[in-house]
């Protein structure tokens, strides 16, 4: 299976490599990764020698897959996940790190949700109640 791995000698400290197939444990699902989000911090972590952080990805449950403990979505389900192995063709993901993607949402857009969505949620929680407040400043023209 192909995956992007950290290699400090490679340009941007990342390179494409062949890696072993992931094995899903009893509380994990096997995900065919279709899209993965890449954030500036991922590149900084790779350059510094740290493994890229948990990133978002989207894809489908393989048609031949079924959960060993009966949890998780059915085979073929479109999902988004938060996983440390998003830059691979397949990833073993904890069932609790998955969310089903509705048909109205593109998998390309869904891949950005776990990291960007969690960052936005943390910012809102840190800000406290925002009811009646302007969250994003709006620049007004002097017309």
N, C-alpha and C. Protein backbone atom coordinates (compact mmCIF):
# COMPACT_ATOMS: atom_id res chain seq x y z
N UNK A 1 0.85 -1.16 0.00
CA UNK A 1 0.00 0.00 0.00
C UNK A 1 0.90 1.23 0.00
N UNK A 2 0.46 2.29 -0.65
CA UNK A 2 1.23 3.53 -0.70
C UNK A 2 0.76 4.49 0.38
N UNK A 3 1.73 5.26 0.91
CA UNK A 3 1.43 6.27 1.92
C UNK A 3 2.49 7.35 1.86
N UNK A 4 2.14 8.53 2.31
CA UNK A 4 3.11 9.60 2.45
C UNK A 4 3.67 9.49 3.86
N UNK A 5 5.00 9.40 3.93
CA UNK A 5 5.66 9.22 5.23
C UNK A 5 6.62 10.38 5.49
N UNK A 6 6.99 10.53 6.75
CA UNK A 6 7.98 11.55 7.13
C UNK A 6 9.36 11.03 6.78
N UNK A 7 10.12 11.84 6.03
CA UNK A 7 11.50 11.53 5.67
C UNK A 7 12.23 12.86 5.64
N UNK A 8 12.98 13.16 6.67
CA UNK A 8 13.62 14.48 6.78
C UNK A 8 14.59 14.78 5.65
N UNK A 9 15.04 13.75 4.92
CA UNK A 9 15.96 14.00 3.80
C UNK A 9 15.22 14.33 2.51
N UNK A 10 13.90 14.16 2.49
CA UNK A 10 13.10 14.43 1.30
C UNK A 10 12.67 15.90 1.27
N UNK A 11 12.36 16.41 0.06
CA UNK A 11 11.84 17.78 -0.02
C UNK A 11 10.57 17.89 0.84
N UNK A 12 10.46 18.94 1.60
CA UNK A 12 9.34 19.18 2.53
C UNK A 12 9.24 18.09 3.60
N UNK A 13 10.25 17.24 3.71
CA UNK A 13 10.35 16.18 4.73
C UNK A 13 9.28 15.11 4.59
N UNK A 14 8.67 14.99 3.42
CA UNK A 14 7.66 13.97 3.17
C UNK A 14 7.97 13.28 1.85
N UNK A 15 7.65 11.96 1.78
CA UNK A 15 7.82 11.25 0.52
C UNK A 15 6.82 10.11 0.44
N UNK A 16 6.55 9.68 -0.78
CA UNK A 16 5.66 8.55 -1.04
C UNK A 16 6.44 7.26 -0.85
N UNK A 17 5.85 6.29 -0.14
CA UNK A 17 6.54 5.03 0.13
C UNK A 17 5.54 3.88 0.17
N UNK A 18 6.05 2.67 0.02
CA UNK A 18 5.24 1.48 0.22
C UNK A 18 5.31 1.12 1.69
N UNK A 19 4.14 0.89 2.30
CA UNK A 19 4.05 0.56 3.73
C UNK A 19 3.15 -0.67 3.89
N UNK A 20 3.24 -1.36 5.02
CA UNK A 20 2.36 -2.52 5.24
C UNK A 20 0.88 -2.11 5.31
N UNK A 21 0.03 -3.02 4.90
CA UNK A 21 -1.42 -2.80 5.00
C UNK A 21 -1.81 -2.67 6.47
N UNK A 22 -2.72 -1.75 6.79
CA UNK A 22 -3.17 -1.64 8.18
C UNK A 22 -4.10 -2.79 8.54
N UNK A 23 -4.08 -3.17 9.81
CA UNK A 23 -4.99 -4.18 10.32
C UNK A 23 -5.91 -3.51 11.32
N UNK A 24 -7.21 -3.63 11.12
CA UNK A 24 -8.18 -3.02 12.02
C UNK A 24 -8.39 -3.91 13.23
N UNK A 25 -8.32 -3.32 14.43
CA UNK A 25 -8.59 -4.05 15.66
C UNK A 25 -10.10 -4.13 15.91
N UNK A 26 -10.50 -4.73 17.03
CA UNK A 26 -11.92 -4.94 17.30
C UNK A 26 -12.73 -3.65 17.41
N UNK A 27 -12.13 -2.55 17.86
CA UNK A 27 -12.87 -1.29 17.98
C UNK A 27 -12.48 -0.31 16.87
N UNK A 28 -11.94 -0.85 15.78
CA UNK A 28 -11.52 -0.02 14.65
C UNK A 28 -12.21 -0.46 13.38
N UNK A 29 -12.20 0.44 12.40
CA UNK A 29 -12.72 0.14 11.08
C UNK A 29 -11.59 0.34 10.08
N UNK A 30 -11.69 -0.32 8.96
CA UNK A 30 -10.74 -0.11 7.87
C UNK A 30 -11.37 0.88 6.91
N UNK A 31 -10.66 1.94 6.62
CA UNK A 31 -11.18 3.02 5.79
C UNK A 31 -10.36 3.12 4.51
N UNK A 32 -11.04 3.13 3.37
CA UNK A 32 -10.40 3.47 2.09
C UNK A 32 -10.35 4.98 2.04
N UNK A 33 -9.17 5.56 2.13
CA UNK A 33 -9.03 7.01 2.17
C UNK A 33 -9.15 7.56 0.76
N UNK A 34 -10.10 8.47 0.56
CA UNK A 34 -10.27 9.13 -0.73
C UNK A 34 -9.64 10.53 -0.73
N UNK A 35 -9.73 11.22 0.41
CA UNK A 35 -9.21 12.58 0.53
C UNK A 35 -8.63 12.77 1.93
N UNK A 36 -7.59 13.58 2.03
CA UNK A 36 -7.01 13.91 3.33
C UNK A 36 -6.70 15.39 3.36
N UNK A 37 -6.88 16.00 4.51
CA UNK A 37 -6.56 17.42 4.65
C UNK A 37 -5.09 17.57 5.02
N UNK A 38 -4.48 18.60 4.52
CA UNK A 38 -3.08 18.89 4.84
C UNK A 38 -3.04 20.30 5.41
N UNK A 39 -2.48 20.43 6.57
CA UNK A 39 -2.41 21.71 7.25
C UNK A 39 -0.97 22.14 7.41
N UNK A 40 -0.77 23.42 7.60
CA UNK A 40 0.58 23.96 7.74
C UNK A 40 1.33 23.28 8.87
N UNK A 41 0.64 23.00 9.96
CA UNK A 41 1.29 22.35 11.10
C UNK A 41 1.81 20.97 10.72
N UNK A 42 1.10 20.24 9.86
CA UNK A 42 1.57 18.92 9.43
C UNK A 42 2.95 19.03 8.81
N UNK A 43 3.14 20.02 7.94
CA UNK A 43 4.44 20.20 7.29
C UNK A 43 5.50 20.63 8.30
N UNK A 44 5.15 21.53 9.21
CA UNK A 44 6.12 21.94 10.24
C UNK A 44 6.54 20.76 11.10
N UNK A 45 5.58 19.91 11.49
CA UNK A 45 5.90 18.75 12.31
C UNK A 45 6.80 17.78 11.55
N UNK A 46 6.54 17.60 10.25
CA UNK A 46 7.36 16.70 9.44
C UNK A 46 8.79 17.24 9.33
N UNK A 47 8.92 18.53 9.10
CA UNK A 47 10.25 19.13 8.98
C UNK A 47 11.05 19.05 10.28
N UNK A 48 10.36 19.10 11.41
CA UNK A 48 11.05 19.06 12.70
C UNK A 48 11.35 17.64 13.14
N UNK A 49 10.86 16.64 12.38
CA UNK A 49 11.13 15.25 12.72
C UNK A 49 10.03 14.59 13.52
N UNK A 50 9.01 15.37 13.92
CA UNK A 50 7.87 14.78 14.62
C UNK A 50 6.94 14.15 13.59
N UNK A 51 6.27 13.10 13.98
CA UNK A 51 5.29 12.47 13.10
C UNK A 51 4.16 13.47 12.88
N UNK A 52 3.61 13.57 11.66
CA UNK A 52 2.50 14.50 11.47
C UNK A 52 1.38 14.23 12.48
N UNK A 53 0.70 15.29 12.93
CA UNK A 53 -0.35 15.12 13.92
C UNK A 53 -1.58 14.43 13.32
N UNK A 54 -2.54 14.22 14.16
CA UNK A 54 -3.80 13.63 13.71
C UNK A 54 -4.43 14.57 12.69
N UNK A 55 -4.82 14.02 11.57
CA UNK A 55 -5.39 14.84 10.50
C UNK A 55 -6.74 14.28 10.08
N UNK A 56 -7.47 15.08 9.32
CA UNK A 56 -8.77 14.65 8.85
C UNK A 56 -8.69 13.97 7.51
N UNK A 57 -9.59 13.04 7.29
CA UNK A 57 -9.69 12.39 5.99
C UNK A 57 -11.11 11.94 5.77
N UNK A 58 -11.43 11.63 4.52
CA UNK A 58 -12.75 11.11 4.20
C UNK A 58 -12.60 9.96 3.23
N UNK A 59 -13.61 9.11 3.19
CA UNK A 59 -13.57 7.97 2.29
C UNK A 59 -14.75 7.06 2.51
N UNK A 60 -14.59 5.82 2.15
CA UNK A 60 -15.66 4.82 2.28
C UNK A 60 -15.15 3.60 3.01
N UNK A 61 -16.08 2.92 3.64
CA UNK A 61 -15.77 1.64 4.25
C UNK A 61 -15.67 0.64 3.10
N UNK A 62 -14.61 -0.16 2.99
CA UNK A 62 -14.51 -1.11 1.89
C UNK A 62 -15.71 -2.07 1.85
N UNK A 63 -16.16 -2.44 0.65
CA UNK A 63 -17.34 -3.30 0.54
C UNK A 63 -17.17 -4.67 1.17
N UNK A 64 -15.94 -5.13 1.36
CA UNK A 64 -15.74 -6.46 1.95
C UNK A 64 -15.46 -6.38 3.45
N UNK A 65 -15.51 -5.19 4.02
CA UNK A 65 -15.18 -5.02 5.42
C UNK A 65 -16.43 -5.12 6.29
N UNK A 66 -16.29 -5.68 7.47
CA UNK A 66 -17.33 -5.62 8.49
C UNK A 66 -16.65 -5.55 9.84
N UNK A 67 -17.23 -4.80 10.80
CA UNK A 67 -16.57 -4.66 12.10
C UNK A 67 -16.60 -5.95 12.88
N UNK A 68 -15.49 -6.29 13.51
CA UNK A 68 -15.42 -7.55 14.25
C UNK A 68 -16.26 -7.53 15.51
N UNK A 69 -16.48 -6.34 16.09
CA UNK A 69 -17.29 -6.28 17.31
C UNK A 69 -18.70 -5.78 17.06
N UNK A 70 -19.08 -5.63 15.78
CA UNK A 70 -20.45 -5.21 15.44
C UNK A 70 -20.68 -3.72 15.52
N UNK A 71 -19.67 -2.93 15.90
CA UNK A 71 -19.85 -1.48 15.98
C UNK A 71 -19.44 -0.84 14.67
N UNK A 72 -19.72 0.44 14.56
CA UNK A 72 -19.28 1.19 13.39
C UNK A 72 -20.28 1.13 12.25
N UNK A 73 -20.01 1.93 11.23
CA UNK A 73 -20.91 2.00 10.07
C UNK A 73 -20.81 0.76 9.19
N UNK A 74 -21.80 0.59 8.36
CA UNK A 74 -21.85 -0.55 7.44
C UNK A 74 -20.85 -0.35 6.30
N UNK A 75 -20.49 -1.46 5.67
CA UNK A 75 -19.59 -1.40 4.51
C UNK A 75 -20.20 -0.49 3.45
N UNK A 76 -19.36 0.31 2.80
CA UNK A 76 -19.81 1.21 1.75
C UNK A 76 -20.22 2.59 2.23
N UNK A 77 -20.31 2.78 3.54
CA UNK A 77 -20.73 4.07 4.10
C UNK A 77 -19.68 5.14 3.84
N UNK A 78 -20.14 6.34 3.44
CA UNK A 78 -19.25 7.50 3.28
C UNK A 78 -19.01 8.09 4.66
N UNK A 79 -17.73 8.22 5.05
CA UNK A 79 -17.40 8.70 6.38
C UNK A 79 -16.29 9.74 6.35
N UNK A 80 -16.18 10.47 7.44
CA UNK A 80 -15.07 11.38 7.69
C UNK A 80 -14.45 10.90 9.00
N UNK A 81 -13.13 11.06 9.12
CA UNK A 81 -12.44 10.53 10.29
C UNK A 81 -11.33 11.45 10.74
N UNK A 82 -10.97 11.29 11.99
CA UNK A 82 -9.81 11.94 12.57
C UNK A 82 -8.81 10.82 12.85
N UNK A 83 -7.67 10.84 12.15
CA UNK A 83 -6.74 9.71 12.21
C UNK A 83 -5.31 10.15 11.99
N UNK A 84 -4.34 9.46 12.58
CA UNK A 84 -2.94 9.78 12.32
C UNK A 84 -2.41 9.19 11.02
N UNK A 85 -3.20 8.34 10.33
CA UNK A 85 -2.72 7.74 9.08
C UNK A 85 -3.59 8.14 7.91
N UNK A 86 -3.89 9.43 7.78
CA UNK A 86 -4.75 9.89 6.70
C UNK A 86 -4.04 9.93 5.36
N UNK A 87 -2.70 9.99 5.37
CA UNK A 87 -1.96 10.11 4.12
C UNK A 87 -1.57 8.74 3.58
N UNK A 88 -2.52 7.83 3.59
CA UNK A 88 -2.31 6.46 3.09
C UNK A 88 -3.55 6.03 2.32
N UNK A 89 -3.41 4.98 1.53
CA UNK A 89 -4.55 4.50 0.75
C UNK A 89 -5.64 3.92 1.64
N UNK A 90 -5.23 3.33 2.76
CA UNK A 90 -6.18 2.78 3.73
C UNK A 90 -5.69 3.10 5.13
N UNK A 91 -6.63 3.19 6.07
CA UNK A 91 -6.27 3.52 7.44
C UNK A 91 -7.18 2.77 8.40
N UNK A 92 -6.60 2.26 9.49
CA UNK A 92 -7.39 1.67 10.57
C UNK A 92 -7.77 2.81 11.51
N UNK A 93 -9.06 3.01 11.73
CA UNK A 93 -9.57 4.16 12.46
C UNK A 93 -10.46 3.70 13.61
N UNK A 94 -10.33 4.33 14.77
CA UNK A 94 -11.22 4.05 15.90
C UNK A 94 -12.66 4.39 15.51
N UNK A 95 -13.60 3.54 15.88
CA UNK A 95 -15.01 3.77 15.55
C UNK A 95 -15.47 5.14 16.07
N UNK A 96 -15.02 5.53 17.26
CA UNK A 96 -15.41 6.81 17.84
C UNK A 96 -14.87 8.02 17.12
N UNK A 97 -13.93 7.83 16.20
CA UNK A 97 -13.33 8.94 15.45
C UNK A 97 -13.98 9.12 14.08
N UNK A 98 -15.10 8.42 13.84
CA UNK A 98 -15.79 8.46 12.55
C UNK A 98 -17.11 9.21 12.64
N UNK A 99 -17.49 9.81 11.53
CA UNK A 99 -18.83 10.39 11.39
C UNK A 99 -19.30 10.13 9.97
N UNK A 100 -20.56 9.77 9.82
CA UNK A 100 -21.11 9.53 8.49
C UNK A 100 -21.26 10.86 7.75
N UNK A 101 -20.94 10.85 6.45
CA UNK A 101 -21.04 12.04 5.62
C UNK A 101 -22.35 11.97 4.85
N UNK A 102 -23.23 12.98 5.01
CA UNK A 102 -24.49 12.97 4.27
C UNK A 102 -24.25 13.10 2.76
N UNK A 103 -25.17 12.61 1.94
CA UNK A 103 -25.00 12.68 0.48
C UNK A 103 -24.84 14.10 -0.06
N UNK A 104 -25.35 15.09 0.65
CA UNK A 104 -25.28 16.47 0.19
C UNK A 104 -23.90 17.10 0.39
N UNK A 105 -22.98 16.41 1.09
CA UNK A 105 -21.64 16.94 1.36
C UNK A 105 -20.62 16.16 0.56
N UNK A 106 -19.77 16.87 -0.18
CA UNK A 106 -18.70 16.22 -0.96
C UNK A 106 -17.63 15.69 -0.02
N UNK A 107 -17.06 14.53 -0.35
CA UNK A 107 -15.99 13.97 0.46
C UNK A 107 -14.77 14.88 0.50
N UNK A 108 -14.54 15.65 -0.57
CA UNK A 108 -13.42 16.59 -0.57
C UNK A 108 -13.59 17.64 0.52
N UNK A 109 -14.82 18.12 0.70
CA UNK A 109 -15.09 19.12 1.74
C UNK A 109 -15.07 18.48 3.13
N UNK A 110 -15.60 17.28 3.22
CA UNK A 110 -15.68 16.59 4.51
C UNK A 110 -14.29 16.33 5.10
N UNK A 111 -13.29 16.10 4.26
CA UNK A 111 -11.94 15.79 4.75
C UNK A 111 -11.36 16.93 5.60
N UNK A 112 -11.76 18.15 5.31
CA UNK A 112 -11.23 19.30 6.06
C UNK A 112 -11.94 19.51 7.40
N UNK A 113 -13.10 18.89 7.58
CA UNK A 113 -13.88 19.14 8.78
C UNK A 113 -13.24 18.71 10.10
N UNK A 114 -12.65 17.54 10.21
CA UNK A 114 -12.15 17.14 11.53
C UNK A 114 -11.15 18.11 12.14
N UNK A 115 -10.15 18.53 11.40
CA UNK A 115 -9.14 19.41 11.97
C UNK A 115 -9.65 20.85 12.05
N UNK A 116 -10.15 21.39 10.95
CA UNK A 116 -10.64 22.77 10.95
C UNK A 116 -11.86 22.92 11.85
N UNK A 117 -12.73 21.93 11.83
CA UNK A 117 -13.93 21.98 12.67
C UNK A 117 -13.60 21.94 14.15
N UNK A 118 -12.66 21.08 14.53
CA UNK A 118 -12.25 20.99 15.93
C UNK A 118 -11.56 22.29 16.36
N UNK A 119 -10.75 22.87 15.49
CA UNK A 119 -10.08 24.14 15.82
C UNK A 119 -11.12 25.24 16.03
N UNK A 120 -12.13 25.30 15.15
CA UNK A 120 -13.18 26.31 15.30
C UNK A 120 -13.98 26.08 16.58
N UNK A 121 -14.30 24.83 16.88
CA UNK A 121 -15.05 24.52 18.09
C UNK A 121 -14.26 24.91 19.34
N UNK A 122 -12.97 24.60 19.36
CA UNK A 122 -12.13 24.97 20.51
C UNK A 122 -12.06 26.48 20.67
N UNK A 123 -11.96 27.21 19.56
CA UNK A 123 -11.91 28.68 19.62
C UNK A 123 -13.22 29.23 20.18
N UNK A 124 -14.34 28.68 19.74
CA UNK A 124 -15.63 29.15 20.26
C UNK A 124 -15.79 28.82 21.73
N UNK A 125 -15.36 27.64 22.14
CA UNK A 125 -15.44 27.28 23.56
C UNK A 125 -14.55 28.19 24.41
N UNK A 126 -13.37 28.52 23.91
CA UNK A 126 -12.46 29.39 24.65
C UNK A 126 -13.01 30.81 24.75
N UNK A 127 -13.77 31.23 23.75
CA UNK A 127 -14.33 32.58 23.74
C UNK A 127 -15.52 32.71 24.68
N UNK A 128 -16.10 31.60 25.08
CA UNK A 128 -17.30 31.66 25.92
C UNK A 128 -18.53 31.92 25.06
N UNK A 129 -19.56 32.40 25.67
CA UNK A 129 -20.81 32.65 24.95
C UNK A 129 -20.60 33.72 23.89
N UNK A 130 -21.03 33.44 22.68
CA UNK A 130 -20.91 34.40 21.59
C UNK A 130 -22.28 34.87 21.11
N UNK A 131 -23.34 34.51 21.84
CA UNK A 131 -24.67 34.95 21.45
C UNK A 131 -24.74 36.47 21.43
N UNK A 132 -25.15 37.01 20.31
CA UNK A 132 -25.29 38.45 20.17
C UNK A 132 -23.99 39.18 19.91
N UNK A 133 -22.88 38.45 19.79
CA UNK A 133 -21.57 39.06 19.55
C UNK A 133 -21.12 38.78 18.12
N UNK A 134 -20.30 39.67 17.60
CA UNK A 134 -19.70 39.44 16.30
C UNK A 134 -18.48 38.56 16.51
N UNK A 135 -18.45 37.38 15.88
CA UNK A 135 -17.36 36.42 16.06
C UNK A 135 -16.21 36.73 15.12
N UNK A 136 -16.51 37.06 13.88
CA UNK A 136 -15.50 37.40 12.88
C UNK A 136 -15.63 38.88 12.57
N UNK A 137 -14.56 39.66 12.77
CA UNK A 137 -14.67 41.09 12.48
C UNK A 137 -14.95 41.32 11.00
N UNK A 138 -15.82 42.25 10.74
CA UNK A 138 -16.18 42.59 9.35
C UNK A 138 -15.59 43.94 9.05
N UNK A 139 -14.79 44.03 7.99
CA UNK A 139 -14.22 45.29 7.60
C UNK A 139 -15.27 46.05 6.79
N UNK A 140 -15.59 47.23 7.24
CA UNK A 140 -16.60 48.04 6.55
C UNK A 140 -15.91 49.14 5.75
N UNK A 141 -16.40 49.35 4.55
CA UNK A 141 -15.82 50.41 3.72
C UNK A 141 -16.42 51.75 4.14
N UNK A 142 -15.70 52.82 3.91
CA UNK A 142 -16.17 54.17 4.24
C UNK A 142 -16.90 54.76 3.06
N UNK A 143 -18.03 54.24 2.72
CA UNK A 143 -18.80 54.75 1.58
C UNK A 143 -20.00 55.51 2.04
